[in-house]
Amino acid sequence: MAGKIPSREALKTWANNYDKLWTAGDRQGWIDSYRTVVQGDAVRMLDPVGTPEKFGFKHCCEDSWDLFQPNVRFQIPRESLFILANEVCWVMHNHFTKNGKEYVEPSIENFRFEPDGSLVIRTWYRIPKHKDGELGEMFQTYLPENDGRDDGSYRTV
């Protein structure tokens, strides 16, 4: 696939499997699905935009799975999915539990598949405070220099 942008059909299949495989807990299926549209290691990620850039397939995809998947479920409302040329974008609903209540926090996620076979991922979301329970602890590991917001304004489900 190096030197080639994935087909629209390949991007659509990958996008339609993204949240399903994640929420089902199918780590290898999720990685294999990613590998249908990204063959090499050339992945750059701003997650979220404004934080230090991350590099490499393992760090951007596999390590993110290992850190977040046990505590966050994904849902991509299909009406928020856009596939235009070499870019895929959606609004993700990130579901998690805090103090026994279920919450949902939106994120905007953009994936740009470049002609050289590389991938650039850009996301936008509110970063939780490190003291904010399990989610905050994950972000203390993920973004140790950024202590997020303190307004506790997550939306309950």
Protein backbone atom coordinates (compact mmCIF):
# COMPACT_ATOMS: atom_id res chain seq x y z
CA MET A 1 0.00 0.00 0.00
CA ALA A 2 2.99 2.35 0.33
CA GLY A 3 2.67 5.12 -2.22
CA LYS A 4 -1.07 4.59 -2.60
CA ILE A 5 -4.11 6.11 -0.93
CA PRO A 6 -6.60 3.44 0.23
CA SER A 7 -9.74 3.16 -1.87
CA ARG A 8 -12.98 4.74 -0.72
CA GLU A 9 -14.39 1.26 -0.12
CA ALA A 10 -11.37 0.28 2.03
CA LEU A 11 -11.72 3.49 4.06
CA LYS A 12 -15.45 2.91 4.50
CA THR A 13 -14.94 -0.67 5.68
CA TRP A 14 -12.20 0.43 8.11
CA ALA A 15 -14.35 3.29 9.46
CA ASN A 16 -17.40 1.05 9.89
CA ASN A 17 -15.32 -1.47 11.86
CA TYR A 18 -13.45 1.08 14.01
CA ASP A 19 -15.90 1.48 16.89
CA LYS A 20 -17.42 -1.99 16.56
CA LEU A 21 -14.12 -3.84 17.01
CA TRP A 22 -12.96 -1.45 19.75
CA THR A 23 -16.11 -1.78 21.83
CA ALA A 24 -16.21 -5.56 21.26
CA GLY A 25 -12.73 -5.75 22.80
CA ASP A 26 -11.26 -7.36 19.65
CA ARG A 27 -7.71 -5.99 19.84
CA GLN A 28 -6.25 -8.09 17.04
CA GLY A 29 -9.28 -7.50 14.81
CA TRP A 30 -8.97 -3.74 15.39
CA ILE A 31 -5.25 -3.79 14.56
CA ASP A 32 -5.83 -6.01 11.51
CA SER A 33 -8.56 -3.63 10.32
CA TYR A 34 -6.17 -0.69 10.70
CA ARG A 35 -3.58 -2.64 8.70
CA THR A 36 -5.97 -2.79 5.72
CA VAL A 37 -5.46 0.98 5.31
CA VAL A 38 -2.01 1.55 6.90
CA GLN A 39 0.78 -0.90 6.04
CA GLY A 40 3.90 0.73 7.47
CA ASP A 41 4.92 2.56 10.60
CA ALA A 42 4.53 6.11 9.22
CA VAL A 43 1.77 7.35 11.53
CA ARG A 44 1.73 10.81 13.11
CA MET A 45 -0.88 11.73 15.68
CA LEU A 46 -1.94 14.96 17.38
CA ASP A 47 -4.21 13.55 20.07
CA PRO A 48 -5.61 15.99 20.85
CA VAL A 49 -4.48 18.87 18.68
CA GLY A 50 -2.28 21.19 20.73
CA THR A 51 -0.48 18.42 22.60
CA PRO A 52 2.88 16.86 21.70
CA GLU A 53 2.84 14.88 18.47
CA LYS A 54 3.09 11.10 18.73
CA PHE A 55 4.78 8.90 16.13
CA GLY A 56 4.64 5.32 14.86
CA PHE A 57 1.92 2.72 14.37
CA LYS A 58 2.66 0.94 17.65
CA HIS A 59 2.55 4.08 19.77
CA CYS A 60 -0.39 5.73 17.99
CA CYS A 61 -2.58 2.67 17.53
CA GLU A 62 -1.55 -0.33 19.63
CA ASP A 63 -0.43 1.55 22.76
CA SER A 64 -3.57 3.72 22.64
CA TRP A 65 -5.68 0.56 22.54
CA ASP A 66 -3.87 -0.90 25.54
CA LEU A 67 -4.30 2.25 27.63
CA PHE A 68 -7.85 3.33 26.78
CA GLN A 69 -9.85 0.34 25.55
CA PRO A 70 -10.51 -1.26 28.95
CA ASN A 71 -12.31 1.89 30.19
CA VAL A 72 -13.73 3.69 27.15
CA ARG A 73 -16.34 2.46 24.66
CA PHE A 74 -16.64 4.10 21.25
CA GLN A 75 -19.71 4.92 19.20
CA ILE A 76 -19.55 6.66 15.84
CA PRO A 77 -22.98 7.99 14.87
CA ARG A 78 -23.07 7.09 11.18
CA GLU A 79 -24.50 10.49 10.27
CA SER A 80 -21.26 12.05 11.57
CA LEU A 81 -19.00 9.92 9.33
CA PHE A 82 -17.44 11.68 6.34
CA ILE A 83 -15.15 10.09 3.75
CA LEU A 84 -13.87 12.68 1.31
CA ALA A 85 -10.98 11.83 -1.02
CA ASN A 86 -8.11 10.70 1.25
CA GLU A 87 -9.65 11.84 4.56
CA VAL A 88 -12.01 10.27 7.05
CA CYS A 89 -13.65 12.30 9.80
CA TRP A 90 -16.28 11.60 12.44
CA VAL A 91 -17.67 12.74 15.75
CA MET A 92 -16.97 10.00 18.27
CA HIS A 93 -19.09 9.43 21.34
CA ASN A 94 -16.67 8.22 24.04
CA HIS A 95 -18.58 6.35 26.77
CA PHE A 96 -17.05 5.81 30.21
CA THR A 97 -18.14 5.27 33.81
CA LYS A 98 -17.26 7.63 36.65
CA ASN A 99 -18.50 7.23 40.22
CA GLY A 100 -21.03 4.63 39.08
CA LYS A 101 -22.59 6.87 36.41
CA GLU A 102 -22.17 6.52 32.67
CA TYR A 103 -20.96 9.57 30.78
CA VAL A 104 -20.36 10.41 27.15
CA GLU A 105 -17.77 12.87 25.93
CA PRO A 106 -17.54 13.83 22.25
CA SER A 107 -14.39 13.95 20.20
CA ILE A 108 -13.80 15.03 16.62
CA GLU A 109 -11.39 12.73 14.81
CA ASN A 110 -9.73 13.22 11.43
CA PHE A 111 -7.57 10.70 9.57
CA ARG A 112 -5.64 11.84 6.48
CA PHE A 113 -4.15 9.04 4.37
CA GLU A 114 -1.24 10.46 2.38
CA PRO A 115 -0.06 9.36 -1.11
CA ASP A 116 3.24 8.15 0.40
CA GLY A 117 1.32 5.59 2.52
CA SER A 118 1.55 7.56 5.76
CA LEU A 119 -1.32 8.53 8.05
CA VAL A 120 -1.88 11.75 9.99
CA ILE A 121 -4.42 11.57 12.85
CA ARG A 122 -5.82 14.77 14.40
CA THR A 123 -8.34 14.72 17.24
CA TRP A 124 -10.15 17.32 19.31
CA TYR A 125 -11.56 16.67 22.80
CA ARG A 126 -11.54 17.99 26.34
CA ILE A 127 -8.72 16.54 28.44
CA PRO A 128 -9.82 15.41 31.93
CA LYS A 129 -7.98 16.45 35.08
CA HIS A 130 -5.51 13.87 36.37
CA LYS A 131 -7.47 13.61 39.64
CA ASP A 132 -10.65 12.73 37.72
CA GLY A 133 -10.89 9.02 38.59
CA GLU A 134 -9.90 6.24 36.19
CA LEU A 135 -10.14 8.48 33.14
CA GLY A 136 -7.88 11.06 34.75
CA GLU A 137 -5.38 8.37 35.72
CA MET A 138 -5.23 7.20 32.10
CA PHE A 139 -4.55 10.76 30.97
CA GLN A 140 -1.89 11.19 33.62
CA THR A 141 -0.09 8.36 31.84
CA TYR A 142 -1.02 9.52 28.32
CA LEU A 143 -0.50 13.29 28.73
CA PRO A 144 1.50 13.75 31.94
CA GLU A 145 2.26 17.42 31.21
CA ASN A 146 -1.37 18.38 30.54
CA ASP A 147 -3.72 18.32 33.54
CA GLY A 148 -6.87 19.04 31.57
CA ARG A 149 -10.02 20.75 32.72
CA ASP A 150 -11.54 20.97 36.16
CA ASP A 151 -15.17 21.88 35.50
CA GLY A 152 -16.53 18.30 35.74
CA SER A 153 -18.98 19.05 32.94
CA TYR A 154 -19.19 15.62 31.39
CA ARG A 155 -22.58 14.81 29.95
CA THR A 156 -24.37 11.87 31.57
CA VAL A 157 -26.05 9.30 29.38
